[in-house]
C-alpha atoms as a PDB file:
ATOM      1  CA  MET A   1      77.751 141.472  70.415  1.00  0.00           C
ATOM      2  CA  SER A   2      81.547 141.648  70.844  1.00  0.00           C
ATOM      3  CA  HIS A   3      83.718 138.585  70.309  1.00  0.00           C
ATOM      4  CA  LYS A   4      84.972 138.956  73.898  1.00  0.00           C
ATOM      5  CA  PHE A   5      81.439 138.926  75.323  1.00  0.00           C
ATOM      6  CA  SER A   6      80.269 136.037  73.146  1.00  0.00           C
ATOM      7  CA  GLY A   7      83.364 134.073  74.130  1.00  0.00           C
ATOM      8  CA  ALA A   8      82.549 134.633  77.787  1.00  0.00           C
ATOM      9  CA  LEU A   9      78.995 133.387  77.230  1.00  0.00           C
ATOM     10  CA  ILE A  10      80.306 130.248  75.559  1.00  0.00           C
ATOM     11  CA  LEU A  11      82.689 129.641  78.474  1.00  0.00           C
ATOM     12  CA  VAL A  12      79.846 130.037  80.987  1.00  0.00           C
ATOM     13  CA  PHE A  13      77.691 127.628  78.973  1.00  0.00           C
ATOM     14  CA  VAL A  14      80.494 125.053  78.830  1.00  0.00           C
ATOM     15  CA  LEU A  15      81.122 125.322  82.575  1.00  0.00           C
ATOM     16  CA  LEU A  16      77.422 124.925  83.353  1.00  0.00           C
ATOM     17  CA  THR A  17      77.231 121.924  81.030  1.00  0.00           C
ATOM     18  CA  LEU A  18      80.214 120.274  82.671  1.00  0.00           C
ATOM     19  CA  SER A  19      78.965 120.949  86.185  1.00  0.00           C
ATOM     20  CA  GLY A  20      75.733 119.180  85.300  1.00  0.00           C
ATOM     21  CA  CYS A  21      77.728 116.096  84.281  1.00  0.00           C
ATOM     22  CA  ALA A  22      79.613 115.777  87.557  1.00  0.00           C
ATOM     23  CA  MET A  23      79.207 112.359  89.146  1.00  0.00           C
ATOM     24  CA  THR A  24      78.535 112.285  92.868  1.00  0.00           C
ATOM     25  CA  TRP A  25      78.451 109.392  95.284  1.00  0.00           C
ATOM     26  CA  THR A  26      76.841 109.137  98.697  1.00  0.00           C
ATOM     27  CA  PRO A  27      78.053 106.165 100.769  1.00  0.00           C
ATOM     28  CA  HIS A  28      75.294 103.609 101.249  1.00  0.00           C
ATOM     29  CA  TRP A  29      76.376 102.097 104.561  1.00  0.00           C
ATOM     30  CA  GLU A  30      72.835 102.383 105.933  1.00  0.00           C
ATOM     31  CA  GLU A  31      71.744  99.815 103.325  1.00  0.00           C
ATOM     32  CA  ALA A  32      74.313  97.254 104.459  1.00  0.00           C
ATOM     33  CA  GLY A  33      72.685  94.040 105.621  1.00  0.00           C
ATOM     34  CA  VAL A  34      73.747  91.500 108.219  1.00  0.00           C
ATOM     35  CA  ASP A  35      74.978  88.123 107.024  1.00  0.00           C
ATOM     36  CA  ASN A  36      72.611  85.628 108.625  1.00  0.00           C
ATOM     37  CA  PRO A  37      72.535  82.490 106.458  1.00  0.00           C
ATOM     38  CA  THR A  38      69.709  80.021 106.858  1.00  0.00           C
ATOM     39  CA  ALA A  39      68.905  76.720 105.202  1.00  0.00           C
ATOM     40  CA  GLN A  40      66.451  78.567 102.963  1.00  0.00           C
ATOM     41  CA  SER A  41      68.925  81.286 101.928  1.00  0.00           C
ATOM     42  CA  GLU A  42      71.635  78.699 101.219  1.00  0.00           C
ATOM     43  CA  GLN A  43      69.246  76.713  99.016  1.00  0.00           C
ATOM     44  CA  LEU A  44      68.245  79.875  97.164  1.00  0.00           C
ATOM     45  CA  ALA A  45      71.912  80.786  96.730  1.00  0.00           C
ATOM     46  CA  ASP A  46      72.724  77.395  95.216  1.00  0.00           C
ATOM     47  CA  GLN A  47      69.840  77.752  92.775  1.00  0.00           C
ATOM     48  CA  ALA A  48      70.873  81.303  91.855  1.00  0.00           C
ATOM     49  CA  ARG A  49      74.475  80.287  91.153  1.00  0.00           C
ATOM     50  CA  LEU A  50      73.300  77.545  88.818  1.00  0.00           C
ATOM     51  CA  ILE A  51      71.024  79.943  86.932  1.00  0.00           C
ATOM     52  CA  PHE A  52      73.879  82.425  86.477  1.00  0.00           C
ATOM     53  CA  GLU A  53      76.242  79.750  85.193  1.00  0.00           C
ATOM     54  CA  GLN A  54      73.709  78.981  82.456  1.00  0.00           C
ATOM     55  CA  ALA A  55      72.877  82.590  81.541  1.00  0.00           C
ATOM     56  CA  LYS A  56      73.481  83.161  77.831  1.00  0.00           C
ATOM     57  CA  ASP A  57      71.286  86.142  76.870  1.00  0.00           C
ATOM     58  CA  ARG A  58      69.379  89.085  78.321  1.00  0.00           C
ATOM     59  CA  ALA A  59      66.349  87.066  79.381  1.00  0.00           C
ATOM     60  CA  SER A  60      68.335  84.404  81.224  1.00  0.00           C
ATOM     61  CA  LEU A  61      70.571  87.040  82.831  1.00  0.00           C
ATOM     62  CA  LEU A  62      67.517  88.887  84.136  1.00  0.00           C
ATOM     63  CA  GLU A  63      66.243  85.584  85.494  1.00  0.00           C
ATOM     64  CA  SER A  64      69.548  85.139  87.306  1.00  0.00           C
ATOM     65  CA  ILE A  65      69.432  88.652  88.755  1.00  0.00           C
ATOM     66  CA  GLU A  66      65.924  87.994  90.066  1.00  0.00           C
ATOM     67  CA  ALA A  67      67.080  84.723  91.640  1.00  0.00           C
ATOM     68  CA  HIS A  68      69.970  86.484  93.396  1.00  0.00           C
ATOM     69  CA  GLN A  69      67.664  89.214  94.657  1.00  0.00           C
ATOM     70  CA  LYS A  70      65.576  86.506  96.323  1.00  0.00           C
ATOM     71  CA  VAL A  71      68.715  85.375  98.143  1.00  0.00           C
ATOM     72  CA  LEU A  72      69.258  88.889  99.467  1.00  0.00           C
ATOM     73  CA  ALA A  73      65.655  89.063 100.610  1.00  0.00           C
ATOM     74  CA  ALA A  74      66.392  85.990 102.746  1.00  0.00           C
ATOM     75  CA  ASN A  75      69.905  87.054 103.796  1.00  0.00           C
ATOM     76  CA  PRO A  76      70.664  90.750 103.104  1.00  0.00           C
ATOM     77  CA  GLY A  77      74.334  90.426 104.069  1.00  0.00           C
ATOM     78  CA  ASP A  78      75.258  87.503 101.796  1.00  0.00           C
ATOM     79  CA  TYR A  79      78.602  88.660 100.366  1.00  0.00           C
ATOM     80  CA  ALA A  80      78.757  86.180  97.489  1.00  0.00           C
ATOM     81  CA  THR A  81      75.302  87.233  96.330  1.00  0.00           C
ATOM     82  CA  LEU A  82      76.121  90.934  96.554  1.00  0.00           C
ATOM     83  CA  VAL A  83      79.198  90.614  94.344  1.00  0.00           C
ATOM     84  CA  ALA A  84      77.338  88.269  91.980  1.00  0.00           C
ATOM     85  CA  LEU A  85      74.653  90.909  91.515  1.00  0.00           C
ATOM     86  CA  SER A  86      77.359  93.491  90.917  1.00  0.00           C
ATOM     87  CA  THR A  87      79.010  91.622  88.064  1.00  0.00           C
ATOM     88  CA  GLN A  88      75.639  90.681  86.576  1.00  0.00           C
ATOM     89  CA  HIS A  89      74.506  94.299  86.411  1.00  0.00           C
ATOM     90  CA  ILE A  90      77.800  95.172  84.728  1.00  0.00           C
ATOM     91  CA  LEU A  91      77.236  92.440  82.160  1.00  0.00           C
ATOM     92  CA  LEU A  92      73.616  93.481  81.658  1.00  0.00           C
ATOM     93  CA  GLY A  93      74.674  97.077  81.117  1.00  0.00           C
ATOM     94  CA  THR A  94      77.450  96.459  78.630  1.00  0.00           C
ATOM     95  CA  ALA A  95      76.277  93.371  76.733  1.00  0.00           C
ATOM     96  CA  TYR A  96      72.484  93.558  76.703  1.00  0.00           C
ATOM     97  CA  THR A  97      71.601  97.258  76.992  1.00  0.00           C
ATOM     98  CA  GLU A  98      71.715  99.931  74.294  1.00  0.00           C
ATOM     99  CA  GLU A  99      70.297 103.124  75.818  1.00  0.00           C
ATOM    100  CA  ARG A 100      72.856 105.262  77.669  1.00  0.00           C
ATOM    101  CA  GLY A 101      70.591 106.053  80.616  1.00  0.00           C
ATOM    102  CA  GLU A 102      69.789 102.381  81.185  1.00  0.00           C
ATOM    103  CA  LYS A 103      73.487 101.527  81.008  1.00  0.00           C
ATOM    104  CA  THR A 104      74.206 104.121  83.686  1.00  0.00           C
ATOM    105  CA  LYS A 105      71.442 102.705  85.875  1.00  0.00           C
ATOM    106  CA  ASN A 106      72.951  99.217  85.659  1.00  0.00           C
ATOM    107  CA  PHE A 107      76.534 100.321  86.212  1.00  0.00           C
ATOM    108  CA  GLN A 108      75.631 102.433  89.237  1.00  0.00           C
ATOM    109  CA  MET A 109      73.541  99.592  90.619  1.00  0.00           C
ATOM    110  CA  ALA A 110      76.609  97.369  90.231  1.00  0.00           C
ATOM    111  CA  MET A 111      78.687  99.893  92.186  1.00  0.00           C
ATOM    112  CA  LEU A 112      76.049  99.931  94.920  1.00  0.00           C
ATOM    113  CA  TYR A 113      76.018  96.147  95.297  1.00  0.00           C
ATOM    114  CA  ALA A 114      79.827  96.085  95.333  1.00  0.00           C
ATOM    115  CA  GLU A 115      79.924  98.747  98.021  1.00  0.00           C
ATOM    116  CA  ARG A 116      77.426  96.794 100.104  1.00  0.00           C
ATOM    117  CA  GLY A 117      79.746  93.822  99.744  1.00  0.00           C
ATOM    118  CA  MET A 118      82.601  95.895 101.182  1.00  0.00           C
ATOM    119  CA  TYR A 119      80.500  96.697 104.246  1.00  0.00           C
ATOM    120  CA  THR A 120      80.746  93.081 105.316  1.00  0.00           C
ATOM    121  CA  ASN A 121      84.156  94.231 106.575  1.00  0.00           C
ATOM    122  CA  ALA A 122      83.412  95.926 109.914  1.00  0.00           C
ATOM    123  CA  ASP A 123      86.552  98.103 109.915  1.00  0.00           C
ATOM    124  CA  PHE A 124      85.716  99.452 106.472  1.00  0.00           C
ATOM    125  CA  LYS A 125      82.119 100.111 107.414  1.00  0.00           C
ATOM    126  CA  ASN A 126      83.074 101.900 110.629  1.00  0.00           C
ATOM    127  CA  SER A 127      85.504 104.100 108.723  1.00  0.00           C
ATOM    128  CA  VAL A 128      82.844 105.107 106.190  1.00  0.00           C
ATOM    129  CA  VAL A 129      80.250 105.666 108.924  1.00  0.00           C
ATOM    130  CA  GLY A 130      82.806 108.008 110.497  1.00  0.00           C
ATOM    131  CA  GLY A 131      82.855 110.135 107.363  1.00  0.00           C
ATOM    132  CA  THR A 132      85.604 108.600 105.220  1.00  0.00           C
ATOM    133  CA  LEU A 133      84.740 108.112 101.559  1.00  0.00           C
ATOM    134  CA  PRO A 134      84.790 104.469 100.414  1.00  0.00           C
ATOM    135  CA  TRP A 135      87.921 104.777  98.238  1.00  0.00           C
ATOM    136  CA  ASP A 136      89.760 106.577 101.020  1.00  0.00           C
ATOM    137  CA  ALA A 137      88.843 103.723 103.375  1.00  0.00           C
ATOM    138  CA  ALA A 138      90.170 101.045 101.003  1.00  0.00           C
ATOM    139  CA  ALA A 139      93.152 100.255 103.243  1.00  0.00           C
ATOM    140  CA  ASN A 140      90.700  98.626 105.677  1.00  0.00           C
ATOM    141  CA  LEU A 141      89.685  96.002 103.117  1.00  0.00           C
ATOM    142  CA  GLY A 142      91.312  92.594 102.844  1.00  0.00           C
ATOM    143  CA  LYS A 143      91.519  89.661 100.482  1.00  0.00           C
ATOM    144  CA  GLU A 144      87.982  88.599 101.423  1.00  0.00           C
ATOM    145  CA  GLU A 145      86.636  91.763  99.762  1.00  0.00           C
ATOM    146  CA  VAL A 146      88.731  91.808  96.578  1.00  0.00           C
ATOM    147  CA  GLU A 147      85.791  90.930  94.320  1.00  0.00           C
ATOM    148  CA  ALA A 148      83.744  93.782  95.746  1.00  0.00           C
ATOM    149  CA  MET A 149      86.604  96.226  95.163  1.00  0.00           C
ATOM    150  CA  PHE A 150      87.233  94.953  91.654  1.00  0.00           C
ATOM    151  CA  PHE A 151      83.592  95.000  90.545  1.00  0.00           C
ATOM    152  CA  TRP A 152      83.188  98.528  91.933  1.00  0.00           C
ATOM    153  CA  VAL A 153      86.083  99.629  89.739  1.00  0.00           C
ATOM    154  CA  THR A 154      84.845  97.659  86.731  1.00  0.00           C
ATOM    155  CA  ALA A 155      81.377  99.184  86.978  1.00  0.00           C
ATOM    156  CA  LEU A 156      82.873 102.662  87.265  1.00  0.00           C
ATOM    157  CA  GLN A 157      85.049 102.124  84.204  1.00  0.00           C
ATOM    158  CA  TYR A 158      82.134 100.817  82.143  1.00  0.00           C
ATOM    159  CA  GLU A 159      80.084 103.827  83.246  1.00  0.00           C
ATOM    160  CA  PHE A 160      82.958 106.059  82.134  1.00  0.00           C
ATOM    161  CA  LYS A 161      83.231 104.296  78.775  1.00  0.00           C
ATOM    162  CA  GLU A 162      79.583 103.625  77.896  1.00  0.00           C
ATOM    163  CA  GLY A 163      77.424 105.708  80.221  1.00  0.00           C
ATOM    164  CA  MET A 164      79.058 109.133  80.126  1.00  0.00           C
ATOM    165  CA  THR A 165      79.080 111.737  77.416  1.00  0.00           C
ATOM    166  CA  LEU A 166      82.368 113.376  76.404  1.00  0.00           C
ATOM    167  CA  ALA A 167      81.613 116.233  78.793  1.00  0.00           C
ATOM    168  CA  GLY A 168      80.974 113.703  81.534  1.00  0.00           C
ATOM    169  CA  LYS A 169      84.302 112.012  80.913  1.00  0.00           C
ATOM    170  CA  ILE A 170      86.135 115.330  81.119  1.00  0.00           C
ATOM    171  CA  VAL A 171      84.591 116.457  84.387  1.00  0.00           C
ATOM    172  CA  ASN A 172      84.725 113.009  86.046  1.00  0.00           C
ATOM    173  CA  VAL A 173      88.231 111.929  85.090  1.00  0.00           C
ATOM    174  CA  ARG A 174      89.373 112.161  88.716  1.00  0.00           C
ATOM    175  CA  TRP A 175      87.205 109.122  89.469  1.00  0.00           C
ATOM    176  CA  MET A 176      89.952 107.003  87.920  1.00  0.00           C
ATOM    177  CA  GLN A 177      92.099 108.073  90.871  1.00  0.00           C
ATOM    178  CA  HIS A 178      89.458 106.606  93.190  1.00  0.00           C
ATOM    179  CA  ALA A 179      89.598 103.412  91.137  1.00  0.00           C
ATOM    180  CA  LEU A 180      93.386 103.219  91.510  1.00  0.00           C
ATOM    181  CA  LYS A 181      93.076 103.293  95.301  1.00  0.00           C
ATOM    182  CA  PHE A 182      90.966 100.130  95.223  1.00  0.00           C
ATOM    183  CA  LEU A 183      93.202  98.483  92.612  1.00  0.00           C
ATOM    184  CA  ASP A 184      96.339  99.253  94.618  1.00  0.00           C
ATOM    185  CA  GLN A 185      94.705  97.664  97.667  1.00  0.00           C
ATOM    186  CA  ILE A 186      93.803  94.553  95.678  1.00  0.00           C
ATOM    187  CA  GLU A 187      97.407  94.216  94.518  1.00  0.00           C
ATOM    188  CA  GLN A 188      98.577  94.527  98.109  1.00  0.00           C
ATOM    189  CA  VAL A 189      96.235  92.009  99.758  1.00  0.00           C
ATOM    190  CA  ALA A 190      95.651  89.557  96.866  1.00  0.00           C
ATOM    191  CA  PRO A 191      98.340  89.995  94.184  1.00  0.00           C
ATOM    192  CA  ASP A 192      97.332  86.819  92.358  1.00  0.00           C
ATOM    193  CA  PHE A 193      93.660  87.772  92.022  1.00  0.00           C
ATOM    194  CA  GLY A 194      91.892  88.294  88.735  1.00  0.00           C
ATOM    195  CA  GLY A 195      93.765  86.455  86.008  1.00  0.00           C
ATOM    196  CA  GLY A 196      95.031  89.736  84.550  1.00  0.00           C
ATOM    197  CA  ALA A 197      91.767  91.656  85.003  1.00  0.00           C
ATOM    198  CA  VAL A 198      93.172  93.914  87.738  1.00  0.00           C
ATOM    199  CA  GLU A 199      96.085  94.776  85.480  1.00  0.00           C
ATOM    200  CA  VAL A 200      93.699  95.613  82.624  1.00  0.00           C
ATOM    201  CA  ALA A 201      91.769  97.928  84.945  1.00  0.00           C
ATOM    202  CA  LYS A 202      95.018  99.683  85.794  1.00  0.00           C
ATOM    203  CA  VAL A 203      95.789 100.105  82.093  1.00  0.00           C
ATOM    204  CA  ILE A 204      92.500 101.972  81.731  1.00  0.00           C
ATOM    205  CA  CYS A 205      93.275 104.247  84.672  1.00  0.00           C
ATOM    206  CA  TYR A 206      96.775 105.081  83.488  1.00  0.00           C
ATOM    207  CA  TYR A 207      95.621 105.822  79.941  1.00  0.00           C
ATOM    208  CA  VAL A 208      92.578 107.899  80.958  1.00  0.00           C
ATOM    209  CA  LEU A 209      94.237 110.034  83.629  1.00  0.00           C
ATOM    210  CA  PRO A 210      96.369 112.983  82.541  1.00  0.00           C
ATOM    211  CA  GLY A 211      99.972 112.994  83.723  1.00  0.00           C
ATOM    212  CA  SER A 212      99.203 115.635  86.349  1.00  0.00           C
ATOM    213  CA  MET A 213      96.796 113.176  87.981  1.00  0.00           C
ATOM    214  CA  GLY A 214      99.041 110.122  87.841  1.00  0.00           C
ATOM    215  CA  GLY A 215      98.381 109.003  84.295  1.00  0.00           C
ATOM    216  CA  SER A 216     101.168 107.321  82.348  1.00  0.00           C
ATOM    217  CA  GLU A 217     100.991 105.542  78.991  1.00  0.00           C
ATOM    218  CA  LYS A 218     104.301 103.855  79.824  1.00  0.00           C
ATOM    219  CA  ARG A 219     102.867 102.323  82.987  1.00  0.00           C
ATOM    220  CA  GLY A 220      99.720 101.434  81.075  1.00  0.00           C
ATOM    221  CA  ASP A 221     101.785  99.560  78.495  1.00  0.00           C
ATOM    222  CA  GLU A 222     103.652  97.728  81.241  1.00  0.00           C
ATOM    223  CA  TYR A 223     100.420  96.644  82.918  1.00  0.00           C
ATOM    224  CA  MET A 224      98.937  95.495  79.612  1.00  0.00           C
ATOM    225  CA  ALA A 225     101.912  93.197  79.084  1.00  0.00           C
ATOM    226  CA  ARG A 226     101.558  91.870  82.644  1.00  0.00           C
ATOM    227  CA  ALA A 227      97.840  91.255  82.147  1.00  0.00           C
ATOM    228  CA  VAL A 228      98.313  88.985  79.131  1.00  0.00           C
ATOM    229  CA  ILE A 229     101.078  86.998  80.827  1.00  0.00           C
ATOM    230  CA  LYS A 230      99.116  86.626  84.055  1.00  0.00           C
ATOM    231  CA  GLY A 231      95.881  85.824  82.216  1.00  0.00           C
ATOM    232  CA  ASP A 232      97.136  82.852  80.242  1.00  0.00           C
ATOM    233  CA  ASP A 233      94.087  80.810  81.310  1.00  0.00           C
ATOM    234  CA  TRP A 234      91.615  83.670  80.914  1.00  0.00           C
ATOM    235  CA  LEU A 235      89.981  85.202  77.832  1.00  0.00           C
ATOM    236  CA  MET A 236      89.480  88.647  79.311  1.00  0.00           C
ATOM    237  CA  PRO A 237      93.019  90.104  78.953  1.00  0.00           C
ATOM    238  CA  ARG A 238      93.399  89.211  75.267  1.00  0.00           C
ATOM    239  CA  TRP A 239      89.830  90.362  74.610  1.00  0.00           C
ATOM    240  CA  ALA A 240      90.456  93.701  76.346  1.00  0.00           C
ATOM    241  CA  ARG A 241      93.745  94.187  74.530  1.00  0.00           C
ATOM    242  CA  GLY A 242      92.057  93.609  71.184  1.00  0.00           C
ATOM    243  CA  LYS A 243      88.846  95.510  71.850  1.00  0.00           C
ATOM    244  CA  TYR A 244      90.279  98.567  73.590  1.00  0.00           C
ATOM    245  CA  TYR A 245      94.055  98.771  73.934  1.00  0.00           C
ATOM    246  CA  TYR A 246      95.143  98.167  70.337  1.00  0.00           C
ATOM    247  CA  VAL A 247      92.230 100.247  69.044  1.00  0.00           C
ATOM    248  CA  LEU A 248      93.378 103.160  71.211  1.00  0.00           C
ATOM    249  CA  LYS A 249      96.903 102.780  69.863  1.00  0.00           C
ATOM    250  CA  GLY A 250      95.687 102.589  66.258  1.00  0.00           C
ATOM    251  CA  GLU A 251      96.990  99.041  65.723  1.00  0.00           C
ATOM    252  CA  ASP A 252      93.989  97.616  63.905  1.00  0.00           C
ATOM    253  CA  GLU A 253      95.627  94.417  62.639  1.00  0.00           C
ATOM    254  CA  LYS A 254      96.741  93.451  66.128  1.00  0.00           C
ATOM    255  CA  SER A 255      93.259  94.245  67.402  1.00  0.00           C
ATOM    256  CA  ARG A 256      91.626  91.947  64.859  1.00  0.00           C
ATOM    257  CA  ALA A 257      94.157  89.202  65.606  1.00  0.00           C
ATOM    258  CA  ASP A 258      93.382  89.278  69.330  1.00  0.00           C
ATOM    259  CA  LEU A 259      89.621  89.268  68.820  1.00  0.00           C
ATOM    260  CA  GLN A 260      89.895  86.450  66.299  1.00  0.00           C
ATOM    261  CA  TRP A 261      91.975  84.509  68.812  1.00  0.00           C
ATOM    262  CA  VAL A 262      89.293  84.959  71.484  1.00  0.00           C
ATOM    263  CA  ALA A 263      86.480  84.039  69.092  1.00  0.00           C
ATOM    264  CA  THR A 264      88.124  80.754  68.082  1.00  0.00           C
ATOM    265  CA  ARG A 265      89.053  79.443  71.532  1.00  0.00           C
ATOM    266  CA  ASN A 266      87.384  76.506  73.247  1.00  0.00           C
ATOM    267  CA  ARG A 267      85.585  78.364  76.040  1.00  0.00           C
ATOM    268  CA  ASN A 268      85.721  75.357  78.342  1.00  0.00           C
ATOM    269  CA  GLN A 269      89.500  75.719  78.619  1.00  0.00           C
ATOM    270  CA  PHE A 270      89.321  79.162  80.228  1.00  0.00           C
ATOM    271  CA  ASN A 271      88.468  80.352  83.734  1.00  0.00           C
ATOM    272  CA  ASP A 272      86.234  83.352  83.050  1.00  0.00           C
ATOM    273  CA  PRO A 273      82.609  83.025  84.256  1.00  0.00           C
ATOM    274  CA  ALA A 274      80.555  81.333  81.520  1.00  0.00           C
ATOM    275  CA  PRO A 275      78.210  84.294  80.801  1.00  0.00           C
ATOM    276  CA  TRP A 276      81.205  86.588  80.387  1.00  0.00           C
ATOM    277  CA  LYS A 277      82.915  84.113  78.050  1.00  0.00           C
ATOM    278  CA  ILE A 278      79.842  84.243  75.831  1.00  0.00           C
ATOM    279  CA  HIS A 279      80.057  88.044  75.781  1.00  0.00           C
ATOM    280  CA  PHE A 280      83.765  88.033  74.962  1.00  0.00           C
END
């Protein structure tokens, strides 16, 4: 077999492998429920929130997810419950799941719940029903939907980091451009949202994307600095800087210093949701 022919076979194999890793997304507007709160659904929602606040491990987080699902059974369009389920599936996937396929299942479920939360905005829903992809319809979303936008992005980025193989990351890198559309909209309608978390998400996008697709390490560095300043009362920005940013830049001592700082804080003095503080 000639080197030219064998090289062509390898190229075909690589292309087939990459094509099999391509992530697709079908809008789920048909699954959007109507917000119709009742005394029963409100009581269930109060109970579910309390269970989530006390979640400290896999078992208690699964209990919380089940409680929130009961709320949706009573009121399928409950926005707060939809975004709560989104962040809980993200946490379940990253903190309490080891197998890659199960991580992907949780992260994509989180994206689904977040998208359903966005459909509580009628203009957004109508745009998607008309054929616009969710990220291209982001301009229709307002400050009431910022959590849904942010959790969609967060779930996508965790899927990219923990759910995808290297081949998957290569072929799906353009999804970070979709993430930026939601993040840009959040910055426009709710610039104070997130305690630095939105800025951290932008760091990830700018570092992952190649320059030809809008990537920029310089902009990523700028957003990392903004995140820590903005997140003075939050653990997440310092945790993310230590766990990911400094590791990527090869600054191991700074990474350890940030993680040690997070580990020695009094959690009660910070604004992150309690189950996430435990994870950090």
